[in-house]
Amino acid sequence: MIPLADNDPDFVVAFTAETRNPWGIGVQKGNAELLGELNGALDTVIADGRLAKVWSTWMPDLAFPLAK
């Protein structure tokens, strides 16, 4: 998210945590239903191109990581 702070004066980064993972979604251990819903939603927006479109709108300076 750091590049967003450079491009949007209303966006302020409160803190960062080094994880070595560029992106992530936290799901409570054992919550397979929520995990399945999130994975399904991500699969859908990746497949139909909506994620790439939103990415290019809001993070145009970052390469889309799922480009074919």
PDB file of N, CA and C in Angstrom:
ATOM      1  N   MET A   1       0.805  -1.199   0.000  1.00  0.00           N
ATOM      2  CA  MET A   1       0.000   0.000   0.000  1.00  0.00           C
ATOM      3  C   MET A   1       0.851   1.267   0.000  1.00  0.00           C
ATOM      4  N   ILE A   2       2.100   1.151   0.235  1.00  0.00           N
ATOM      5  CA  ILE A   2       2.953   2.330   0.349  1.00  0.00           C
ATOM      6  C   ILE A   2       2.862   3.247  -0.867  1.00  0.00           C
ATOM      7  N   PRO A   3       2.867   2.732  -2.112  1.00  0.00           N
ATOM      8  CA  PRO A   3       2.801   3.662  -3.251  1.00  0.00           C
ATOM      9  C   PRO A   3       1.533   4.516  -3.261  1.00  0.00           C
ATOM     10  N   LEU A   4       0.450   4.056  -2.648  1.00  0.00           N
ATOM     11  CA  LEU A   4      -0.759   4.873  -2.600  1.00  0.00           C
ATOM     12  C   LEU A   4      -0.534   6.140  -1.795  1.00  0.00           C
ATOM     13  N   ALA A   5       0.248   6.043  -0.757  1.00  0.00           N
ATOM     14  CA  ALA A   5       0.525   7.221   0.072  1.00  0.00           C
ATOM     15  C   ALA A   5       1.273   8.283  -0.717  1.00  0.00           C
ATOM     16  N   ASP A   6       2.063   7.859  -1.697  1.00  0.00           N
ATOM     17  CA  ASP A   6       2.806   8.815  -2.515  1.00  0.00           C
ATOM     18  C   ASP A   6       1.907   9.569  -3.483  1.00  0.00           C
ATOM     19  N   ASN A   7       0.774   8.975  -3.864  1.00  0.00           N
ATOM     20  CA  ASN A   7      -0.095   9.541  -4.902  1.00  0.00           C
ATOM     21  C   ASN A   7      -1.376  10.170  -4.379  1.00  0.00           C
ATOM     22  N   ASP A   8      -1.695   9.957  -3.133  1.00  0.00           N
ATOM     23  CA  ASP A   8      -2.956  10.454  -2.589  1.00  0.00           C
ATOM     24  C   ASP A   8      -2.689  11.157  -1.263  1.00  0.00           C
ATOM     25  N   PRO A   9      -2.800  12.480  -1.229  1.00  0.00           N
ATOM     26  CA  PRO A   9      -2.486  13.206   0.006  1.00  0.00           C
ATOM     27  C   PRO A   9      -3.436  12.882   1.166  1.00  0.00           C
ATOM     28  N   ASP A  10      -4.614  12.308   0.861  1.00  0.00           N
ATOM     29  CA  ASP A  10      -5.549  11.949   1.924  1.00  0.00           C
ATOM     30  C   ASP A  10      -5.246  10.581   2.529  1.00  0.00           C
ATOM     31  N   PHE A  11      -4.353   9.829   1.910  1.00  0.00           N
ATOM     32  CA  PHE A  11      -4.009   8.493   2.386  1.00  0.00           C
ATOM     33  C   PHE A  11      -2.776   8.586   3.260  1.00  0.00           C
ATOM     34  N   VAL A  12      -2.881   8.121   4.492  1.00  0.00           N
ATOM     35  CA  VAL A  12      -1.769   8.170   5.431  1.00  0.00           C
ATOM     36  C   VAL A  12      -1.496   6.760   5.936  1.00  0.00           C
ATOM     37  N   VAL A  13      -0.246   6.336   5.861  1.00  0.00           N
ATOM     38  CA  VAL A  13       0.140   5.027   6.368  1.00  0.00           C
ATOM     39  C   VAL A  13       0.434   5.162   7.852  1.00  0.00           C
ATOM     40  N   ALA A  14      -0.322   4.436   8.680  1.00  0.00           N
ATOM     41  CA  ALA A  14      -0.127   4.502  10.122  1.00  0.00           C
ATOM     42  C   ALA A  14       1.089   3.695  10.549  1.00  0.00           C
ATOM     43  N   PHE A  15       1.288   2.523   9.955  1.00  0.00           N
ATOM     44  CA  PHE A  15       2.437   1.690  10.270  1.00  0.00           C
ATOM     45  C   PHE A  15       2.558   0.610   9.199  1.00  0.00           C
ATOM     46  N   THR A  16       3.698  -0.018   9.127  1.00  0.00           N
ATOM     47  CA  THR A  16       3.899  -1.158   8.248  1.00  0.00           C
ATOM     48  C   THR A  16       4.453  -2.306   9.075  1.00  0.00           C
ATOM     49  N   ALA A  17       4.200  -3.515   8.623  1.00  0.00           N
ATOM     50  CA  ALA A  17       4.725  -4.706   9.276  1.00  0.00           C
ATOM     51  C   ALA A  17       5.398  -5.560   8.215  1.00  0.00           C
ATOM     52  N   GLU A  18       6.681  -5.812   8.390  1.00  0.00           N
ATOM     53  CA  GLU A  18       7.422  -6.627   7.424  1.00  0.00           C
ATOM     54  C   GLU A  18       6.954  -8.072   7.521  1.00  0.00           C
ATOM     55  N   THR A  19       6.380  -8.591   6.433  1.00  0.00           N
ATOM     56  CA  THR A  19       5.884  -9.964   6.435  1.00  0.00           C
ATOM     57  C   THR A  19       6.527 -10.833   5.363  1.00  0.00           C
ATOM     58  N   ARG A  20       7.202 -10.212   4.407  1.00  0.00           N
ATOM     59  CA  ARG A  20       7.762 -10.902   3.248  1.00  0.00           C
ATOM     60  C   ARG A  20       6.679 -11.440   2.319  1.00  0.00           C
ATOM     61  N   ASN A  21       5.439 -11.134   2.595  1.00  0.00           N
ATOM     62  CA  ASN A  21       4.322 -11.457   1.711  1.00  0.00           C
ATOM     63  C   ASN A  21       3.771 -10.144   1.187  1.00  0.00           C
ATOM     64  N   PRO A  22       3.717  -9.949  -0.146  1.00  0.00           N
ATOM     65  CA  PRO A  22       3.283  -8.661  -0.655  1.00  0.00           C
ATOM     66  C   PRO A  22       1.799  -8.366  -0.413  1.00  0.00           C
ATOM     67  N   TRP A  23       0.959  -9.386  -0.292  1.00  0.00           N
ATOM     68  CA  TRP A  23      -0.475  -9.172  -0.118  1.00  0.00           C
ATOM     69  C   TRP A  23      -1.024 -10.284   0.775  1.00  0.00           C
ATOM     70  N   GLY A  24      -2.096 -10.016   1.448  1.00  0.00           N
ATOM     71  CA  GLY A  24      -2.688 -11.065   2.272  1.00  0.00           C
ATOM     72  C   GLY A  24      -4.062 -10.692   2.775  1.00  0.00           C
ATOM     73  N   ILE A  25      -4.820 -11.702   3.136  1.00  0.00           N
ATOM     74  CA  ILE A  25      -6.126 -11.535   3.764  1.00  0.00           C
ATOM     75  C   ILE A  25      -6.119 -12.456   4.972  1.00  0.00           C
ATOM     76  N   GLY A  26      -6.435 -11.916   6.117  1.00  0.00           N
ATOM     77  CA  GLY A  26      -6.476 -12.723   7.326  1.00  0.00           C
ATOM     78  C   GLY A  26      -7.834 -13.386   7.498  1.00  0.00           C
ATOM     79  N   VAL A  27      -7.819 -14.677   7.759  1.00  0.00           N
ATOM     80  CA  VAL A  27      -9.040 -15.441   8.009  1.00  0.00           C
ATOM     81  C   VAL A  27      -8.810 -16.262   9.274  1.00  0.00           C
ATOM     82  N   GLN A  28      -9.785 -16.252  10.155  1.00  0.00           N
ATOM     83  CA  GLN A  28      -9.662 -16.998  11.400  1.00  0.00           C
ATOM     84  C   GLN A  28      -9.439 -18.481  11.112  1.00  0.00           C
ATOM     85  N   LYS A  29      -8.498 -19.067  11.805  1.00  0.00           N
ATOM     86  CA  LYS A  29      -8.200 -20.487  11.653  1.00  0.00           C
ATOM     87  C   LYS A  29      -9.481 -21.301  11.840  1.00  0.00           C
ATOM     88  N   GLY A  30      -9.728 -22.209  10.928  1.00  0.00           N
ATOM     89  CA  GLY A  30     -10.907 -23.066  11.019  1.00  0.00           C
ATOM     90  C   GLY A  30     -12.147 -22.512  10.336  1.00  0.00           C
ATOM     91  N   ASN A  31     -12.083 -21.270   9.829  1.00  0.00           N
ATOM     92  CA  ASN A  31     -13.242 -20.673   9.172  1.00  0.00           C
ATOM     93  C   ASN A  31     -13.195 -20.985   7.673  1.00  0.00           C
ATOM     94  N   ALA A  32     -13.403 -22.259   7.358  1.00  0.00           N
ATOM     95  CA  ALA A  32     -13.319 -22.723   5.970  1.00  0.00           C
ATOM     96  C   ALA A  32     -14.395 -22.083   5.094  1.00  0.00           C
ATOM     97  N   GLU A  33     -15.549 -21.772   5.660  1.00  0.00           N
ATOM     98  CA  GLU A  33     -16.623 -21.168   4.870  1.00  0.00           C
ATOM     99  C   GLU A  33     -16.207 -19.783   4.359  1.00  0.00           C
ATOM    100  N   LEU A  34     -15.699 -18.936   5.236  1.00  0.00           N
ATOM    101  CA  LEU A  34     -15.251 -17.606   4.820  1.00  0.00           C
ATOM    102  C   LEU A  34     -14.085 -17.710   3.849  1.00  0.00           C
ATOM    103  N   LEU A  35     -13.133 -18.591   4.133  1.00  0.00           N
ATOM    104  CA  LEU A  35     -11.996 -18.775   3.240  1.00  0.00           C
ATOM    105  C   LEU A  35     -12.463 -19.176   1.841  1.00  0.00           C
ATOM    106  N   GLY A  36     -13.420 -20.089   1.769  1.00  0.00           N
ATOM    107  CA  GLY A  36     -13.959 -20.506   0.484  1.00  0.00           C
ATOM    108  C   GLY A  36     -14.652 -19.379  -0.252  1.00  0.00           C
ATOM    109  N   GLU A  37     -15.416 -18.566   0.489  1.00  0.00           N
ATOM    110  CA  GLU A  37     -16.107 -17.423  -0.129  1.00  0.00           C
ATOM    111  C   GLU A  37     -15.104 -16.400  -0.669  1.00  0.00           C
ATOM    112  N   LEU A  38     -14.074 -16.106   0.106  1.00  0.00           N
ATOM    113  CA  LEU A  38     -13.051 -15.158  -0.345  1.00  0.00           C
ATOM    114  C   LEU A  38     -12.307 -15.694  -1.567  1.00  0.00           C
ATOM    115  N   ASN A  39     -11.908 -16.955  -1.527  1.00  0.00           N
ATOM    116  CA  ASN A  39     -11.213 -17.540  -2.668  1.00  0.00           C
ATOM    117  C   ASN A  39     -12.097 -17.547  -3.913  1.00  0.00           C
ATOM    118  N   GLY A  40     -13.380 -17.858  -3.740  1.00  0.00           N
ATOM    119  CA  GLY A  40     -14.308 -17.848  -4.871  1.00  0.00           C
ATOM    120  C   GLY A  40     -14.475 -16.455  -5.455  1.00  0.00           C
ATOM    121  N   ALA A  41     -14.600 -15.465  -4.579  1.00  0.00           N
ATOM    122  CA  ALA A  41     -14.752 -14.086  -5.047  1.00  0.00           C
ATOM    123  C   ALA A  41     -13.491 -13.624  -5.790  1.00  0.00           C
ATOM    124  N   LEU A  42     -12.330 -13.951  -5.249  1.00  0.00           N
ATOM    125  CA  LEU A  42     -11.078 -13.588  -5.926  1.00  0.00           C
ATOM    126  C   LEU A  42     -10.954 -14.287  -7.275  1.00  0.00           C
ATOM    127  N   ASP A  43     -11.282 -15.558  -7.325  1.00  0.00           N
ATOM    128  CA  ASP A  43     -11.245 -16.282  -8.600  1.00  0.00           C
ATOM    129  C   ASP A  43     -12.139 -15.619  -9.640  1.00  0.00           C
ATOM    130  N   THR A  44     -13.314 -15.175  -9.206  1.00  0.00           N
ATOM    131  CA  THR A  44     -14.270 -14.542 -10.123  1.00  0.00           C
ATOM    132  C   THR A  44     -13.745 -13.233 -10.675  1.00  0.00           C
ATOM    133  N   VAL A  45     -13.273 -12.344  -9.800  1.00  0.00           N
ATOM    134  CA  VAL A  45     -12.817 -11.026 -10.273  1.00  0.00           C
ATOM    135  C   VAL A  45     -11.495 -11.100 -11.031  1.00  0.00           C
ATOM    136  N   ILE A  46     -10.713 -12.124 -10.781  1.00  0.00           N
ATOM    137  CA  ILE A  46      -9.504 -12.333 -11.580  1.00  0.00           C
ATOM    138  C   ILE A  46      -9.900 -12.815 -12.971  1.00  0.00           C
ATOM    139  N   ALA A  47     -10.790 -13.805 -13.022  1.00  0.00           N
ATOM    140  CA  ALA A  47     -11.174 -14.406 -14.302  1.00  0.00           C
ATOM    141  C   ALA A  47     -11.901 -13.432 -15.223  1.00  0.00           C
ATOM    142  N   ASP A  48     -12.751 -12.574 -14.666  1.00  0.00           N
ATOM    143  CA  ASP A  48     -13.530 -11.679 -15.537  1.00  0.00           C
ATOM    144  C   ASP A  48     -12.849 -10.332 -15.800  1.00  0.00           C
ATOM    145  N   GLY A  49     -11.650 -10.138 -15.225  1.00  0.00           N
ATOM    146  CA  GLY A  49     -10.882  -8.930 -15.504  1.00  0.00           C
ATOM    147  C   GLY A  49     -11.164  -7.748 -14.597  1.00  0.00           C
ATOM    148  N   ARG A  50     -12.123  -7.878 -13.694  1.00  0.00           N
ATOM    149  CA  ARG A  50     -12.440  -6.749 -12.812  1.00  0.00           C
ATOM    150  C   ARG A  50     -11.282  -6.384 -11.891  1.00  0.00           C
ATOM    151  N   LEU A  51     -10.550  -7.372 -11.405  1.00  0.00           N
ATOM    152  CA  LEU A  51      -9.435  -7.060 -10.512  1.00  0.00           C
ATOM    153  C   LEU A  51      -8.363  -6.258 -11.248  1.00  0.00           C
ATOM    154  N   ALA A  52      -8.039  -6.659 -12.468  1.00  0.00           N
ATOM    155  CA  ALA A  52      -7.043  -5.924 -13.255  1.00  0.00           C
ATOM    156  C   ALA A  52      -7.498  -4.492 -13.523  1.00  0.00           C
ATOM    157  N   LYS A  53      -8.793  -4.309 -13.784  1.00  0.00           N
ATOM    158  CA  LYS A  53      -9.315  -2.967 -14.058  1.00  0.00           C
ATOM    159  C   LYS A  53      -9.225  -2.081 -12.814  1.00  0.00           C
ATOM    160  N   VAL A  54      -9.637  -2.606 -11.680  1.00  0.00           N
ATOM    161  CA  VAL A  54      -9.559  -1.841 -10.427  1.00  0.00           C
ATOM    162  C   VAL A  54      -8.108  -1.551 -10.081  1.00  0.00           C
ATOM    163  N   TRP A  55      -7.257  -2.543 -10.266  1.00  0.00           N
ATOM    164  CA  TRP A  55      -5.828  -2.375  -9.990  1.00  0.00           C
ATOM    165  C   TRP A  55      -5.258  -1.215 -10.801  1.00  0.00           C
ATOM    166  N   SER A  56      -5.549  -1.214 -12.110  1.00  0.00           N
ATOM    167  CA  SER A  56      -4.979  -0.169 -12.970  1.00  0.00           C
ATOM    168  C   SER A  56      -5.554   1.211 -12.655  1.00  0.00           C
ATOM    169  N   THR A  57      -6.762   1.259 -12.109  1.00  0.00           N
ATOM    170  CA  THR A  57      -7.374   2.528 -11.724  1.00  0.00           C
ATOM    171  C   THR A  57      -6.739   3.086 -10.454  1.00  0.00           C
ATOM    172  N   TRP A  58      -6.566   2.246  -9.437  1.00  0.00           N
ATOM    173  CA  TRP A  58      -6.137   2.720  -8.128  1.00  0.00           C
ATOM    174  C   TRP A  58      -4.653   2.556  -7.848  1.00  0.00           C
ATOM    175  N   MET A  59      -3.976   1.668  -8.584  1.00  0.00           N
ATOM    176  CA  MET A  59      -2.542   1.466  -8.365  1.00  0.00           C
ATOM    177  C   MET A  59      -1.815   1.415  -9.707  1.00  0.00           C
ATOM    178  N   PRO A  60      -1.956   2.465 -10.512  1.00  0.00           N
ATOM    179  CA  PRO A  60      -1.387   2.429 -11.865  1.00  0.00           C
ATOM    180  C   PRO A  60       0.135   2.337 -11.904  1.00  0.00           C
ATOM    181  N   ASP A  61       0.799   2.698 -10.834  1.00  0.00           N
ATOM    182  CA  ASP A  61       2.265   2.656 -10.816  1.00  0.00           C
ATOM    183  C   ASP A  61       2.820   1.285 -10.397  1.00  0.00           C
ATOM    184  N   LEU A  62       1.927   0.380  -9.999  1.00  0.00           N
ATOM    185  CA  LEU A  62       2.366  -0.973  -9.605  1.00  0.00           C
ATOM    186  C   LEU A  62       1.969  -1.945 -10.708  1.00  0.00           C
ATOM    187  N   ALA A  63       2.900  -2.798 -11.080  1.00  0.00           N
ATOM    188  CA  ALA A  63       2.589  -3.813 -12.085  1.00  0.00           C
ATOM    189  C   ALA A  63       1.555  -4.783 -11.527  1.00  0.00           C
ATOM    190  N   PHE A  64       0.560  -5.118 -12.347  1.00  0.00           N
ATOM    191  CA  PHE A  64      -0.463  -6.078 -11.929  1.00  0.00           C
ATOM    192  C   PHE A  64       0.203  -7.441 -11.809  1.00  0.00           C
ATOM    193  N   PRO A  65       0.146  -8.058 -10.622  1.00  0.00           N
ATOM    194  CA  PRO A  65       0.920  -9.284 -10.384  1.00  0.00           C
ATOM    195  C   PRO A  65       0.370 -10.526 -11.063  1.00  0.00           C
ATOM    196  N   LEU A  66      -0.831 -10.458 -11.580  1.00  0.00           N
ATOM    197  CA  LEU A  66      -1.447 -11.634 -12.195  1.00  0.00           C
ATOM    198  C   LEU A  66      -1.556 -11.526 -13.702  1.00  0.00           C
ATOM    199  N   ALA A  67      -0.790 -10.602 -14.295  1.00  0.00           N
ATOM    200  CA  ALA A  67      -0.823 -10.430 -15.743  1.00  0.00           C
ATOM    201  C   ALA A  67      -0.355 -11.705 -16.420  1.00  0.00           C
ATOM    202  N   LYS A  68      -1.024 -12.025 -17.511  1.00  0.00           N
ATOM    203  CA  LYS A  68      -0.676 -13.265 -18.244  1.00  0.00           C
ATOM    204  C   LYS A  68       0.426 -12.999 -19.225  1.00  0.00           C
TER     205      LYS A  68
END
